[in-house]
Amino acid sequence: MVDKRESYTKEDLLASGRGELFGAKGPQLPAPNMLMMDRVIK
């Protein structure tokens, strides 16, 4: 199941880069060195 929230913290974004937030086949953000945002808000 996809985690649908209105905001994501920096740790959430880093977890996405590791494939932990949306699962192994879900979307992944770049690794920490290439991540260009600290949070996502609605």
N, C-alpha and C. Protein backbone atom coordinates (compact mmCIF):
# COMPACT_ATOMS: atom_id res chain seq x y z
N MET A 1 0.84 -1.18 0.00
CA MET A 1 0.00 0.00 0.00
C MET A 1 0.89 1.25 0.00
N VAL A 2 0.51 2.23 -0.75
CA VAL A 2 1.27 3.47 -0.84
C VAL A 2 0.93 4.36 0.35
N ASP A 3 1.94 4.95 0.94
CA ASP A 3 1.79 5.85 2.07
C ASP A 3 1.41 7.24 1.54
N LYS A 4 0.12 7.61 1.64
CA LYS A 4 -0.34 8.91 1.12
C LYS A 4 -0.49 9.88 2.28
N ARG A 5 0.41 10.83 2.34
CA ARG A 5 0.37 11.86 3.38
C ARG A 5 0.46 13.22 2.73
N GLU A 6 0.21 14.25 3.50
CA GLU A 6 0.30 15.62 2.98
C GLU A 6 1.69 16.20 3.15
N SER A 7 2.54 15.56 3.95
CA SER A 7 3.90 16.07 4.13
C SER A 7 4.85 14.91 4.42
N TYR A 8 6.12 15.15 4.09
CA TYR A 8 7.18 14.17 4.31
C TYR A 8 8.38 14.90 4.89
N THR A 9 8.98 14.35 5.94
CA THR A 9 10.15 14.94 6.57
C THR A 9 11.41 14.57 5.79
N LYS A 10 12.52 15.15 6.18
CA LYS A 10 13.79 14.81 5.53
C LYS A 10 14.10 13.33 5.72
N GLU A 11 13.84 12.79 6.90
CA GLU A 11 14.09 11.36 7.13
C GLU A 11 13.20 10.50 6.24
N ASP A 12 11.95 10.93 6.02
CA ASP A 12 11.07 10.21 5.09
C ASP A 12 11.65 10.21 3.68
N LEU A 13 12.17 11.35 3.24
CA LEU A 13 12.75 11.46 1.91
C LEU A 13 13.99 10.58 1.77
N LEU A 14 14.80 10.53 2.82
CA LEU A 14 15.97 9.66 2.81
C LEU A 14 15.55 8.19 2.78
N ALA A 15 14.49 7.85 3.51
CA ALA A 15 13.97 6.48 3.50
C ALA A 15 13.49 6.11 2.10
N SER A 16 12.91 7.06 1.39
CA SER A 16 12.48 6.81 0.01
C SER A 16 13.68 6.49 -0.87
N GLY A 17 14.77 7.18 -0.66
CA GLY A 17 15.98 6.91 -1.43
C GLY A 17 16.56 5.52 -1.18
N ARG A 18 16.29 4.99 0.01
CA ARG A 18 16.74 3.64 0.35
C ARG A 18 15.72 2.57 -0.06
N GLY A 19 14.58 2.99 -0.58
CA GLY A 19 13.53 2.05 -0.98
C GLY A 19 12.68 1.57 0.17
N GLU A 20 12.69 2.27 1.29
CA GLU A 20 11.96 1.84 2.49
C GLU A 20 10.59 2.48 2.62
N LEU A 21 10.36 3.63 2.02
CA LEU A 21 9.11 4.36 2.23
C LEU A 21 7.97 3.79 1.40
N PHE A 22 8.20 3.54 0.13
CA PHE A 22 7.16 3.06 -0.77
C PHE A 22 7.37 1.63 -1.23
N GLY A 23 8.36 0.95 -0.67
CA GLY A 23 8.64 -0.43 -1.06
C GLY A 23 9.70 -0.50 -2.15
N ALA A 24 10.20 -1.68 -2.37
CA ALA A 24 11.31 -1.89 -3.31
C ALA A 24 10.94 -1.51 -4.75
N LYS A 25 9.69 -1.70 -5.14
CA LYS A 25 9.28 -1.40 -6.52
C LYS A 25 8.64 -0.02 -6.64
N GLY A 26 8.53 0.71 -5.55
CA GLY A 26 7.94 2.04 -5.57
C GLY A 26 8.94 3.10 -6.01
N PRO A 27 8.48 4.34 -6.13
CA PRO A 27 9.38 5.41 -6.55
C PRO A 27 10.46 5.68 -5.50
N GLN A 28 11.64 6.01 -5.96
CA GLN A 28 12.75 6.33 -5.06
C GLN A 28 13.33 7.68 -5.43
N LEU A 29 13.65 8.46 -4.42
CA LEU A 29 14.32 9.73 -4.62
C LEU A 29 15.82 9.50 -4.71
N PRO A 30 16.58 10.49 -5.17
CA PRO A 30 18.04 10.34 -5.25
C PRO A 30 18.67 10.12 -3.87
N ALA A 31 19.88 9.60 -3.88
CA ALA A 31 20.65 9.39 -2.65
C ALA A 31 20.92 10.74 -1.98
N PRO A 32 21.30 10.73 -0.70
CA PRO A 32 21.46 11.98 0.06
C PRO A 32 22.30 13.06 -0.62
N ASN A 33 23.37 12.69 -1.30
CA ASN A 33 24.21 13.71 -1.93
C ASN A 33 23.50 14.44 -3.05
N MET A 34 22.52 13.83 -3.68
CA MET A 34 21.81 14.43 -4.80
C MET A 34 20.42 14.94 -4.41
N LEU A 35 19.98 14.66 -3.19
CA LEU A 35 18.67 15.10 -2.72
C LEU A 35 18.68 16.61 -2.57
N MET A 36 17.78 17.30 -3.25
CA MET A 36 17.79 18.77 -3.27
C MET A 36 16.63 19.38 -2.51
N MET A 37 16.07 18.65 -1.53
CA MET A 37 14.99 19.19 -0.71
C MET A 37 15.07 18.59 0.68
N ASP A 38 14.53 19.33 1.64
CA ASP A 38 14.54 18.87 3.03
C ASP A 38 13.20 18.33 3.49
N ARG A 39 12.12 18.75 2.83
CA ARG A 39 10.79 18.28 3.20
C ARG A 39 9.83 18.59 2.06
N VAL A 40 8.67 17.93 2.11
CA VAL A 40 7.62 18.16 1.13
C VAL A 40 6.36 18.45 1.92
N ILE A 41 5.71 19.56 1.60
CA ILE A 41 4.46 19.92 2.27
C ILE A 41 3.41 20.24 1.23
N LYS A 42 2.18 20.13 1.62
CA LYS A 42 1.08 20.42 0.71
C LYS A 42 0.94 21.89 0.48
